[in-house]
Structures are given as structure tokens and as C-alpha cells.
């Protein structure tokens, strides 16, 4: 079964080219790559892909910049395989990624989402494991040393609500499972968690595998970091968690509702941002931060 690798792009072209080469270096060649250029103002990008002689690679350029949410929607819409991923334009597939995920799909053909093992790197490509990733990988992620872990229903929703330990660009989705839902315009920072919980509430399962076959690039500066300083991250988080609690209660998922209302790890993460927000944030950011921690 072919995996459609959808690759929305806006950023540093050299990192994009390295990402593409990591796809081309796969030990299993049963993949298709679609690069969606979000009108990046450098004609050299289109020229680069015009020179590539690989029929598995398709280059699409938007007429105008439409932003991340519309490019995620386009990624799902343009995919034609039964399974797809939405790869980050600065992340890397390690050589065994496609082989490992195709094997996992064969073992769990009905699963909606697959999470492989992830190696975290910094802006320069060096190994890195900041606090957020130590919590994700050592505290929240299920132990897969004894084999695949499959999660579904309240167990999955509660786990993700306690703390989102997934790495969005590394995930493979069953196409019909993700197409059943839409990305939310009102949640630009947590849109990944929102659609994953949509899948969980709809009964979709997540399979976690042990193979470390993906390299996730953790940047010091990112959209989420900027949203922390101006407070939108905290405002959106509180609203989303309260909404999730009400939704879980309607399903009778009490553990999920408790986790959403408590949002312990989200509050602890907010505490770690206090020095940065106090020094560099604006008044709205500081108010949103304290509301997120204390209410």
C-alpha cells in the first residue's frame, strides 16, 4: 500500500530540500510526495523541483499565500492513497520510515492513526530533548518496548487530553478517518489535537509503534512560542479544554472530562513560560497566562 506524503511548504528552502531528500532516501520506495508551495517568494523553489527527475514527486504552487490551515486541508484533499501523512517542511524521515509504517498498517489495517518513534533535533540538526519532549516521551507516551500499543475511545481521549504526546508531522492517517473531520479555523495552535480528538470521539484508534524512524525539528522560535507571548495560546487552550470537557461528559467519558477540566500538564507548561511572558509578553499575554494557570 502506497503512503501519500503531503508536504506543505513555507520557510527555508534548504531545509525543504533536505526533507525531500530524506523521502527519496527511503529503503521502501512505495510512496508519493506532493509538495504544496504556499506562494513562497523565491522562484528558485519551483526551479529546483522542475529539475528533479522523479515521477513520484509532484510540485504544486498556490497562487497566493493561504496559510497553514488551508494547506492542511489541501493536503488531505489532494491525497489519493488510502493512507497519508502531512510532513513538516523542515523535518526528516529516517530511512526506514515508509517500510516501518507500511508494516504497521499491515498489522493494524483498521487503525485510524499511527505514531512511530521520534528523534528530536534542534535548528541545526543536532540531537535535542528539551523539557517538553522529555515529558512527551518519558512521561506521557505509552511504553512500546513489548510491541505495538493500540488505544481507542475514552482511553485515547483521556491520554491526549492529559498531555498531547504525539508529533503531528510524523503521524500517518487512514485517509477516510481524517477526511471525516475538518481543521478548525478558530484553533490555529492546537488544530492538530482538535482533529485527533475528533477522531477519538468518532471511535478511531491510534497505534503507537516502537521504531524510531522520524526526526522532528524543534525550533526555539515558532508560531506557538509567539502565541505564548501574546496570550492567544492560553486563551485558545482554556476554551478548547472546557469544550472538550463538555463533549466528554456528553459521551459519558468521565476520565476525559476530569482531565480536560484539570489540564494539569497544560498549567504546568504555562508556569514554565512565566519568566518569558513577564519579560517579553504584553499585558494581554500576562493576563491570559495567569487566567490559564489559576482558573
C-alpha atoms as a PDB file:
ATOM      1  CA  UNK A   1       0.000   0.000   0.000  1.00  0.00           C
ATOM      2  CA  UNK A   2       1.370   3.400  -1.048  1.00  0.00           C
ATOM      3  CA  UNK A   3       1.657   6.219   1.503  1.00  0.00           C
ATOM      4  CA  UNK A   4       0.908   9.727   0.276  1.00  0.00           C
ATOM      5  CA  UNK A   5       3.416  12.137   1.819  1.00  0.00           C
ATOM      6  CA  UNK A   6       1.898  15.620   1.705  1.00  0.00           C
ATOM      7  CA  UNK A   7       4.385  18.424   2.286  1.00  0.00           C
ATOM      8  CA  UNK A   8       3.054  21.992   2.735  1.00  0.00           C
ATOM      9  CA  UNK A   9       5.897  24.489   2.409  1.00  0.00           C
ATOM     10  CA  UNK A  10       6.647  27.987   3.616  1.00  0.00           C
ATOM     11  CA  UNK A  11      10.057  28.588   5.138  1.00  0.00           C
ATOM     12  CA  UNK A  12      13.700  27.909   4.459  1.00  0.00           C
ATOM     13  CA  UNK A  13      14.185  26.260   1.034  1.00  0.00           C
ATOM     14  CA  UNK A  14      17.380  24.461   2.042  1.00  0.00           C
ATOM     15  CA  UNK A  15      15.568  22.720   4.887  1.00  0.00           C
ATOM     16  CA  UNK A  16      12.784  21.791   2.474  1.00  0.00           C
ATOM     17  CA  UNK A  17      15.286  20.232   0.072  1.00  0.00           C
ATOM     18  CA  UNK A  18      16.783  18.171   2.910  1.00  0.00           C
ATOM     19  CA  UNK A  19      13.302  16.983   3.856  1.00  0.00           C
ATOM     20  CA  UNK A  20      12.630  15.923   0.258  1.00  0.00           C
ATOM     21  CA  UNK A  21      15.945  14.091   0.054  1.00  0.00           C
ATOM     22  CA  UNK A  22      15.083  12.214   3.244  1.00  0.00           C
ATOM     23  CA  UNK A  23      11.942  10.987   1.491  1.00  0.00           C
ATOM     24  CA  UNK A  24      13.892   9.954  -1.600  1.00  0.00           C
ATOM     25  CA  UNK A  25      16.345   8.027   0.613  1.00  0.00           C
ATOM     26  CA  UNK A  26      13.669   5.644   1.916  1.00  0.00           C
ATOM     27  CA  UNK A  27      14.544   1.958   1.911  1.00  0.00           C
ATOM     28  CA  UNK A  28      10.983   1.259   0.735  1.00  0.00           C
ATOM     29  CA  UNK A  29      10.098   3.203  -2.395  1.00  0.00           C
ATOM     30  CA  UNK A  30       6.310   2.758  -2.213  1.00  0.00           C
ATOM     31  CA  UNK A  31       5.472   6.401  -1.548  1.00  0.00           C
ATOM     32  CA  UNK A  32       4.265   9.501  -3.376  1.00  0.00           C
ATOM     33  CA  UNK A  33       5.312  13.009  -2.399  1.00  0.00           C
ATOM     34  CA  UNK A  34       3.288  16.153  -3.054  1.00  0.00           C
ATOM     35  CA  UNK A  35       4.952  19.483  -2.233  1.00  0.00           C
ATOM     36  CA  UNK A  36       2.440  22.317  -1.738  1.00  0.00           C
ATOM     37  CA  UNK A  37       4.287  25.627  -2.098  1.00  0.00           C
ATOM     38  CA  UNK A  38       2.250  28.289  -0.300  1.00  0.00           C
ATOM     39  CA  UNK A  39       3.370  31.052  -2.703  1.00  0.00           C
ATOM     40  CA  UNK A  40       6.825  31.325  -1.136  1.00  0.00           C
ATOM     41  CA  UNK A  41       8.516  34.352  -2.776  1.00  0.00           C
ATOM     42  CA  UNK A  42      11.510  32.554  -4.266  1.00  0.00           C
ATOM     43  CA  UNK A  43      11.350  31.320  -7.870  1.00  0.00           C
ATOM     44  CA  UNK A  44      14.275  29.037  -7.118  1.00  0.00           C
ATOM     45  CA  UNK A  45      11.961  26.599  -5.329  1.00  0.00           C
ATOM     46  CA  UNK A  46       9.899  25.913  -8.442  1.00  0.00           C
ATOM     47  CA  UNK A  47      13.109  25.703 -10.493  1.00  0.00           C
ATOM     48  CA  UNK A  48      14.535  23.154  -8.048  1.00  0.00           C
ATOM     49  CA  UNK A  49      11.559  20.840  -8.409  1.00  0.00           C
ATOM     50  CA  UNK A  50      11.498  21.355 -12.149  1.00  0.00           C
ATOM     51  CA  UNK A  51      14.967  19.790 -12.261  1.00  0.00           C
ATOM     52  CA  UNK A  52      14.048  16.726 -10.193  1.00  0.00           C
ATOM     53  CA  UNK A  53      13.621  13.613 -12.293  1.00  0.00           C
ATOM     54  CA  UNK A  54      11.405  11.537 -10.027  1.00  0.00           C
ATOM     55  CA  UNK A  55       7.858  10.635 -11.124  1.00  0.00           C
ATOM     56  CA  UNK A  56       6.858  10.033  -7.501  1.00  0.00           C
ATOM     57  CA  UNK A  57       7.244  13.753  -6.708  1.00  0.00           C
ATOM     58  CA  UNK A  58       4.567  16.312  -7.562  1.00  0.00           C
ATOM     59  CA  UNK A  59       5.065  20.060  -7.045  1.00  0.00           C
ATOM     60  CA  UNK A  60       2.020  22.306  -6.606  1.00  0.00           C
ATOM     61  CA  UNK A  61       2.211  26.072  -6.074  1.00  0.00           C
ATOM     62  CA  UNK A  62      -0.614  28.140  -4.596  1.00  0.00           C
ATOM     63  CA  UNK A  63      -1.486  31.338  -6.477  1.00  0.00           C
ATOM     64  CA  UNK A  64      -1.445  33.204  -3.157  1.00  0.00           C
ATOM     65  CA  UNK A  65      -0.415  32.523   0.412  1.00  0.00           C
ATOM     66  CA  UNK A  66      -3.307  30.842   2.223  1.00  0.00           C
ATOM     67  CA  UNK A  67      -1.718  29.765   5.491  1.00  0.00           C
ATOM     68  CA  UNK A  68      -1.264  26.535   7.398  1.00  0.00           C
ATOM     69  CA  UNK A  69      -4.904  25.547   7.923  1.00  0.00           C
ATOM     70  CA  UNK A  70      -5.819  25.769   4.245  1.00  0.00           C
ATOM     71  CA  UNK A  71      -2.662  23.906   3.309  1.00  0.00           C
ATOM     72  CA  UNK A  72      -3.552  21.121   5.740  1.00  0.00           C
ATOM     73  CA  UNK A  73      -6.974  20.935   4.118  1.00  0.00           C
ATOM     74  CA  UNK A  74      -5.372  20.841   0.672  1.00  0.00           C
ATOM     75  CA  UNK A  75      -3.050  18.056   1.837  1.00  0.00           C
ATOM     76  CA  UNK A  76      -5.988  15.864   2.792  1.00  0.00           C
ATOM     77  CA  UNK A  77      -7.934  16.793  -0.348  1.00  0.00           C
ATOM     78  CA  UNK A  78      -5.085  16.116  -2.796  1.00  0.00           C
ATOM     79  CA  UNK A  79      -4.075  12.755  -1.331  1.00  0.00           C
ATOM     80  CA  UNK A  80      -5.278   9.752  -3.325  1.00  0.00           C
ATOM     81  CA  UNK A  81      -3.779   6.830  -1.377  1.00  0.00           C
ATOM     82  CA  UNK A  82      -5.560   5.048   1.462  1.00  0.00           C
ATOM     83  CA  UNK A  83      -3.026   6.452   3.941  1.00  0.00           C
ATOM     84  CA  UNK A  84      -1.363   9.838   4.168  1.00  0.00           C
ATOM     85  CA  UNK A  85       0.857  11.996   6.314  1.00  0.00           C
ATOM     86  CA  UNK A  86       1.291  15.794   6.474  1.00  0.00           C
ATOM     87  CA  UNK A  87       5.047  16.199   6.765  1.00  0.00           C
ATOM     88  CA  UNK A  88       6.731  19.332   8.101  1.00  0.00           C
ATOM     89  CA  UNK A  89       8.940  21.112   5.594  1.00  0.00           C
ATOM     90  CA  UNK A  90      11.937  21.023   7.947  1.00  0.00           C
ATOM     91  CA  UNK A  91      11.505  17.568   9.475  1.00  0.00           C
ATOM     92  CA  UNK A  92      13.200  14.388   8.270  1.00  0.00           C
ATOM     93  CA  UNK A  93      12.135  10.844   7.530  1.00  0.00           C
ATOM     94  CA  UNK A  94      14.776   8.386   8.657  1.00  0.00           C
ATOM     95  CA  UNK A  95      15.483   5.720   6.000  1.00  0.00           C
ATOM     96  CA  UNK A  96      13.156   3.066   7.434  1.00  0.00           C
ATOM     97  CA  UNK A  97      10.096   5.285   7.911  1.00  0.00           C
ATOM     98  CA  UNK A  98       7.960   4.104   4.974  1.00  0.00           C
ATOM     99  CA  UNK A  99       8.889   0.435   5.479  1.00  0.00           C
ATOM    100  CA  UNK A 100       8.070   0.614   9.184  1.00  0.00           C
ATOM    101  CA  UNK A 101       4.739   2.386   8.724  1.00  0.00           C
ATOM    102  CA  UNK A 102       3.629   0.122   5.885  1.00  0.00           C
ATOM    103  CA  UNK A 103       4.354  -2.878   8.102  1.00  0.00           C
ATOM    104  CA  UNK A 104       2.352  -1.305  10.950  1.00  0.00           C
ATOM    105  CA  UNK A 105      -0.581  -0.662   8.613  1.00  0.00           C
ATOM    106  CA  UNK A 106      -0.482  -4.307   7.549  1.00  0.00           C
ATOM    107  CA  UNK A 107      -0.630  -5.352  11.224  1.00  0.00           C
ATOM    108  CA  UNK A 108      -3.464  -2.924  12.052  1.00  0.00           C
ATOM    109  CA  UNK A 109      -5.412  -2.267   8.829  1.00  0.00           C
ATOM    110  CA  UNK A 110      -8.406  -0.704  10.624  1.00  0.00           C
ATOM    111  CA  UNK A 111      -6.426   1.774  12.732  1.00  0.00           C
ATOM    112  CA  UNK A 112      -7.059   5.471  12.049  1.00  0.00           C
ATOM    113  CA  UNK A 113      -3.693   6.935  13.124  1.00  0.00           C
ATOM    114  CA  UNK A 114      -0.130   5.640  13.516  1.00  0.00           C
ATOM    115  CA  UNK A 115       2.595   7.195  15.692  1.00  0.00           C
ATOM    116  CA  UNK A 116       6.184   5.968  15.199  1.00  0.00           C
ATOM    117  CA  UNK A 117       9.125   6.603  17.462  1.00  0.00           C
ATOM    118  CA  UNK A 118      10.541  10.117  17.093  1.00  0.00           C
ATOM    119  CA  UNK A 119      14.022  11.571  17.435  1.00  0.00           C
ATOM    120  CA  UNK A 120      14.083  15.282  18.323  1.00  0.00           C
ATOM    121  CA  UNK A 121      16.656  17.592  16.729  1.00  0.00           C
ATOM    122  CA  UNK A 122      17.317  21.314  17.061  1.00  0.00           C
ATOM    123  CA  UNK A 123      17.501  24.063  14.429  1.00  0.00           C
ATOM    124  CA  UNK A 124      20.950  22.827  13.399  1.00  0.00           C
ATOM    125  CA  UNK A 125      20.069  19.139  13.200  1.00  0.00           C
ATOM    126  CA  UNK A 126      21.781  18.163  16.461  1.00  0.00           C
ATOM    127  CA  UNK A 127      20.049  15.799  18.914  1.00  0.00           C
ATOM    128  CA  UNK A 128      17.949  17.719  21.418  1.00  0.00           C
ATOM    129  CA  UNK A 129      15.474  16.814  24.153  1.00  0.00           C
ATOM    130  CA  UNK A 130      14.081  19.941  25.851  1.00  0.00           C
ATOM    131  CA  UNK A 131      11.678  19.663  28.772  1.00  0.00           C
ATOM    132  CA  UNK A 132       8.536  19.477  26.632  1.00  0.00           C
ATOM    133  CA  UNK A 133       9.920  16.467  24.757  1.00  0.00           C
ATOM    134  CA  UNK A 134      11.176  14.748  27.901  1.00  0.00           C
ATOM    135  CA  UNK A 135       7.628  14.961  29.269  1.00  0.00           C
ATOM    136  CA  UNK A 136       6.141  13.729  25.978  1.00  0.00           C
ATOM    137  CA  UNK A 137       8.472  10.785  25.571  1.00  0.00           C
ATOM    138  CA  UNK A 138       9.237   9.714  29.136  1.00  0.00           C
ATOM    139  CA  UNK A 139       6.030  10.529  30.989  1.00  0.00           C
ATOM    140  CA  UNK A 140       3.125  10.539  28.540  1.00  0.00           C
ATOM    141  CA  UNK A 141       3.955   8.257  25.609  1.00  0.00           C
ATOM    142  CA  UNK A 142       2.906   4.605  26.103  1.00  0.00           C
ATOM    143  CA  UNK A 143       5.682   2.068  26.582  1.00  0.00           C
ATOM    144  CA  UNK A 144       6.095   0.195  23.291  1.00  0.00           C
ATOM    145  CA  UNK A 145       9.112  -1.922  24.201  1.00  0.00           C
ATOM    146  CA  UNK A 146       6.907  -5.014  24.327  1.00  0.00           C
ATOM    147  CA  UNK A 147       5.245  -4.274  20.992  1.00  0.00           C
ATOM    148  CA  UNK A 148       2.635  -2.069  19.357  1.00  0.00           C
ATOM    149  CA  UNK A 149       0.183  -0.251  21.622  1.00  0.00           C
ATOM    150  CA  UNK A 150      -3.336   0.362  20.296  1.00  0.00           C
ATOM    151  CA  UNK A 151      -5.540   2.956  22.002  1.00  0.00           C
ATOM    152  CA  UNK A 152      -9.160   3.858  21.363  1.00  0.00           C
ATOM    153  CA  UNK A 153     -12.187   5.581  22.859  1.00  0.00           C
ATOM    154  CA  UNK A 154     -12.027   7.082  26.343  1.00  0.00           C
ATOM    155  CA  UNK A 155      -8.529   5.720  26.976  1.00  0.00           C
ATOM    156  CA  UNK A 156      -7.157   7.535  23.918  1.00  0.00           C
ATOM    157  CA  UNK A 157      -9.080  10.755  24.519  1.00  0.00           C
ATOM    158  CA  UNK A 158      -8.026  10.886  28.170  1.00  0.00           C
ATOM    159  CA  UNK A 159      -4.382  10.252  27.334  1.00  0.00           C
ATOM    160  CA  UNK A 160      -4.272  13.054  24.754  1.00  0.00           C
ATOM    161  CA  UNK A 161      -6.220  15.435  26.979  1.00  0.00           C
ATOM    162  CA  UNK A 162      -3.795  14.945  29.856  1.00  0.00           C
ATOM    163  CA  UNK A 163      -0.974  15.911  27.514  1.00  0.00           C
ATOM    164  CA  UNK A 164      -0.543  15.832  23.736  1.00  0.00           C
ATOM    165  CA  UNK A 165       2.430  13.491  23.378  1.00  0.00           C
ATOM    166  CA  UNK A 166       2.013  12.979  19.632  1.00  0.00           C
ATOM    167  CA  UNK A 167       4.216  14.518  16.920  1.00  0.00           C
ATOM    168  CA  UNK A 168       1.841  15.689  14.212  1.00  0.00           C
ATOM    169  CA  UNK A 169       4.251  15.684  11.223  1.00  0.00           C
ATOM    170  CA  UNK A 170       5.239  12.075  11.937  1.00  0.00           C
ATOM    171  CA  UNK A 171       1.698  10.676  12.006  1.00  0.00           C
ATOM    172  CA  UNK A 172       0.185   8.518   9.291  1.00  0.00           C
ATOM    173  CA  UNK A 173      -3.602   8.680   8.915  1.00  0.00           C
ATOM    174  CA  UNK A 174      -6.075   6.386   7.275  1.00  0.00           C
ATOM    175  CA  UNK A 175      -7.409   8.793   4.653  1.00  0.00           C
ATOM    176  CA  UNK A 176     -11.102   8.220   5.262  1.00  0.00           C
ATOM    177  CA  UNK A 177     -10.639   8.678   9.024  1.00  0.00           C
ATOM    178  CA  UNK A 178      -9.131  12.153   8.724  1.00  0.00           C
ATOM    179  CA  UNK A 179     -11.437  13.186   5.870  1.00  0.00           C
ATOM    180  CA  UNK A 180     -14.423  12.665   8.152  1.00  0.00           C
ATOM    181  CA  UNK A 181     -13.401  15.803  10.070  1.00  0.00           C
ATOM    182  CA  UNK A 182     -12.153  19.310   9.330  1.00  0.00           C
ATOM    183  CA  UNK A 183      -9.390  21.512  10.668  1.00  0.00           C
ATOM    184  CA  UNK A 184     -10.728  24.313  12.847  1.00  0.00           C
ATOM    185  CA  UNK A 185     -10.037  27.895  11.839  1.00  0.00           C
ATOM    186  CA  UNK A 186     -10.521  29.088  15.421  1.00  0.00           C
ATOM    187  CA  UNK A 187      -7.773  26.866  16.879  1.00  0.00           C
ATOM    188  CA  UNK A 188      -4.608  27.551  14.842  1.00  0.00           C
ATOM    189  CA  UNK A 189      -2.201  26.450  17.586  1.00  0.00           C
ATOM    190  CA  UNK A 190      -3.995  23.286  18.764  1.00  0.00           C
ATOM    191  CA  UNK A 191      -5.702  22.326  15.497  1.00  0.00           C
ATOM    192  CA  UNK A 192      -3.751  19.051  15.470  1.00  0.00           C
ATOM    193  CA  UNK A 193      -5.009  17.994  18.898  1.00  0.00           C
ATOM    194  CA  UNK A 194      -8.529  19.114  17.980  1.00  0.00           C
ATOM    195  CA  UNK A 195      -8.773  16.869  14.925  1.00  0.00           C
ATOM    196  CA  UNK A 196      -7.133  13.951  16.737  1.00  0.00           C
ATOM    197  CA  UNK A 197      -9.758  14.191  19.468  1.00  0.00           C
ATOM    198  CA  UNK A 198     -12.432  14.347  16.754  1.00  0.00           C
ATOM    199  CA  UNK A 199     -11.084  11.019  15.504  1.00  0.00           C
ATOM    200  CA  UNK A 200     -11.038   9.599  19.039  1.00  0.00           C
ATOM    201  CA  UNK A 201     -14.618  10.683  19.767  1.00  0.00           C
ATOM    202  CA  UNK A 202     -15.663   9.085  16.460  1.00  0.00           C
ATOM    203  CA  UNK A 203     -14.209   5.740  17.583  1.00  0.00           C
ATOM    204  CA  UNK A 204     -10.936   5.796  15.633  1.00  0.00           C
ATOM    205  CA  UNK A 205      -7.937   4.029  17.104  1.00  0.00           C
ATOM    206  CA  UNK A 206      -4.294   5.085  17.399  1.00  0.00           C
ATOM    207  CA  UNK A 207      -1.402   2.629  17.087  1.00  0.00           C
ATOM    208  CA  UNK A 208       1.950   3.524  18.664  1.00  0.00           C
ATOM    209  CA  UNK A 209       4.999   1.660  17.365  1.00  0.00           C
ATOM    210  CA  UNK A 210       8.482   1.491  18.799  1.00  0.00           C
ATOM    211  CA  UNK A 211      10.535   2.073  15.624  1.00  0.00           C
ATOM    212  CA  UNK A 212      12.372   5.428  15.785  1.00  0.00           C
ATOM    213  CA  UNK A 213      12.079   6.419  12.143  1.00  0.00           C
ATOM    214  CA  UNK A 214      11.321  10.164  12.241  1.00  0.00           C
ATOM    215  CA  UNK A 215      13.367  13.258  13.132  1.00  0.00           C
ATOM    216  CA  UNK A 216      11.311  16.185  14.451  1.00  0.00           C
ATOM    217  CA  UNK A 217      12.945  19.608  14.341  1.00  0.00           C
ATOM    218  CA  UNK A 218      12.241  21.627  17.491  1.00  0.00           C
ATOM    219  CA  UNK A 219      12.741  25.360  16.886  1.00  0.00           C
ATOM    220  CA  UNK A 220      13.305  27.890  19.636  1.00  0.00           C
ATOM    221  CA  UNK A 221      11.073  30.343  17.778  1.00  0.00           C
ATOM    222  CA  UNK A 222       7.776  29.073  16.408  1.00  0.00           C
ATOM    223  CA  UNK A 223       4.155  30.084  15.911  1.00  0.00           C
ATOM    224  CA  UNK A 224       3.296  28.536  19.272  1.00  0.00           C
ATOM    225  CA  UNK A 225       6.096  30.480  21.027  1.00  0.00           C
ATOM    226  CA  UNK A 226       4.787  33.768  19.625  1.00  0.00           C
ATOM    227  CA  UNK A 227       1.250  32.808  20.649  1.00  0.00           C
ATOM    228  CA  UNK A 228       2.522  32.271  24.206  1.00  0.00           C
ATOM    229  CA  UNK A 229       3.866  35.805  24.427  1.00  0.00           C
ATOM    230  CA  UNK A 230       0.690  37.495  23.179  1.00  0.00           C
ATOM    231  CA  UNK A 231      -1.604  35.210  25.190  1.00  0.00           C
ATOM    232  CA  UNK A 232      -3.568  33.623  22.349  1.00  0.00           C
ATOM    233  CA  UNK A 233      -2.128  30.185  23.146  1.00  0.00           C
ATOM    234  CA  UNK A 234      -3.515  30.287  26.678  1.00  0.00           C
ATOM    235  CA  UNK A 235      -6.892  31.726  25.679  1.00  0.00           C
ATOM    236  CA  UNK A 236      -7.364  29.106  22.972  1.00  0.00           C
ATOM    237  CA  UNK A 237      -6.205  26.291  25.267  1.00  0.00           C
ATOM    238  CA  UNK A 238      -8.654  27.162  28.043  1.00  0.00           C
ATOM    239  CA  UNK A 239     -11.552  27.444  25.621  1.00  0.00           C
ATOM    240  CA  UNK A 240     -10.662  24.176  23.904  1.00  0.00           C
ATOM    241  CA  UNK A 241     -10.244  22.201  27.137  1.00  0.00           C
ATOM    242  CA  UNK A 242     -13.569  23.434  28.521  1.00  0.00           C
ATOM    243  CA  UNK A 243     -15.237  22.474  25.250  1.00  0.00           C
ATOM    244  CA  UNK A 244     -13.577  19.044  25.407  1.00  0.00           C
ATOM    245  CA  UNK A 245     -14.806  18.532  28.977  1.00  0.00           C
ATOM    246  CA  UNK A 246     -18.405  19.221  27.952  1.00  0.00           C
ATOM    247  CA  UNK A 247     -18.075  16.934  24.952  1.00  0.00           C
ATOM    248  CA  UNK A 248     -16.607  14.127  27.060  1.00  0.00           C
ATOM    249  CA  UNK A 249     -19.403  14.457  29.623  1.00  0.00           C
ATOM    250  CA  UNK A 250     -21.947  14.101  26.819  1.00  0.00           C
ATOM    251  CA  UNK A 251     -20.203  10.833  25.841  1.00  0.00           C
ATOM    252  CA  UNK A 252     -20.120   9.614  29.426  1.00  0.00           C
ATOM    253  CA  UNK A 253     -16.304   9.711  29.391  1.00  0.00           C
ATOM    254  CA  UNK A 254     -15.744  10.922  32.941  1.00  0.00           C
ATOM    255  CA  UNK A 255     -11.978  10.403  32.991  1.00  0.00           C
ATOM    256  CA  UNK A 256     -11.578  12.526  29.860  1.00  0.00           C
ATOM    257  CA  UNK A 257     -13.809  15.247  31.290  1.00  0.00           C
ATOM    258  CA  UNK A 258     -11.797  15.328  34.533  1.00  0.00           C
ATOM    259  CA  UNK A 259      -8.520  15.517  32.632  1.00  0.00           C
ATOM    260  CA  UNK A 260      -9.837  18.350  30.454  1.00  0.00           C
ATOM    261  CA  UNK A 261     -11.056  20.389  33.412  1.00  0.00           C
ATOM    262  CA  UNK A 262      -7.895  19.800  35.443  1.00  0.00           C
ATOM    263  CA  UNK A 263      -5.481  20.298  32.493  1.00  0.00           C
ATOM    264  CA  UNK A 264      -2.630  19.760  34.934  1.00  0.00           C
ATOM    265  CA  UNK A 265       0.207  19.497  32.430  1.00  0.00           C
ATOM    266  CA  UNK A 266      -1.082  22.473  30.444  1.00  0.00           C
ATOM    267  CA  UNK A 267      -0.988  24.561  33.632  1.00  0.00           C
ATOM    268  CA  UNK A 268       2.495  23.293  34.498  1.00  0.00           C
ATOM    269  CA  UNK A 269       3.704  24.114  30.996  1.00  0.00           C
ATOM    270  CA  UNK A 270       2.247  27.599  31.392  1.00  0.00           C
ATOM    271  CA  UNK A 271       4.203  28.002  34.638  1.00  0.00           C
ATOM    272  CA  UNK A 272       7.452  27.322  32.759  1.00  0.00           C
ATOM    273  CA  UNK A 273       6.666  30.265  30.443  1.00  0.00           C
ATOM    274  CA  UNK A 274       6.167  32.818  33.237  1.00  0.00           C
ATOM    275  CA  UNK A 275       9.687  34.344  33.020  1.00  0.00           C
ATOM    276  CA  UNK A 276       9.485  34.768  29.227  1.00  0.00           C
ATOM    277  CA  UNK A 277       5.959  36.207  29.281  1.00  0.00           C
ATOM    278  CA  UNK A 278       6.774  38.597  32.136  1.00  0.00           C
ATOM    279  CA  UNK A 279       9.913  39.824  30.352  1.00  0.00           C
ATOM    280  CA  UNK A 280       8.748  39.832  26.737  1.00  0.00           C
ATOM    281  CA  UNK A 281       4.962  39.441  26.652  1.00  0.00           C
ATOM    282  CA  UNK A 282       2.374  42.188  26.519  1.00  0.00           C
ATOM    283  CA  UNK A 283      -0.364  42.938  29.063  1.00  0.00           C
ATOM    284  CA  UNK A 284      -2.868  40.685  27.300  1.00  0.00           C
ATOM    285  CA  UNK A 285      -0.354  37.859  27.309  1.00  0.00           C
ATOM    286  CA  UNK A 286       0.283  38.188  31.034  1.00  0.00           C
ATOM    287  CA  UNK A 287      -3.446  38.282  31.856  1.00  0.00           C
ATOM    288  CA  UNK A 288      -4.130  35.234  29.687  1.00  0.00           C
ATOM    289  CA  UNK A 289      -1.213  33.364  31.272  1.00  0.00           C
ATOM    290  CA  UNK A 290      -2.417  33.847  34.863  1.00  0.00           C
ATOM    291  CA  UNK A 291      -6.004  33.040  33.908  1.00  0.00           C
ATOM    292  CA  UNK A 292      -4.819  29.810  32.306  1.00  0.00           C
ATOM    293  CA  UNK A 293      -2.831  28.797  35.385  1.00  0.00           C
ATOM    294  CA  UNK A 294      -5.237  29.816  38.131  1.00  0.00           C
ATOM    295  CA  UNK A 295      -8.786  29.391  36.819  1.00  0.00           C
END
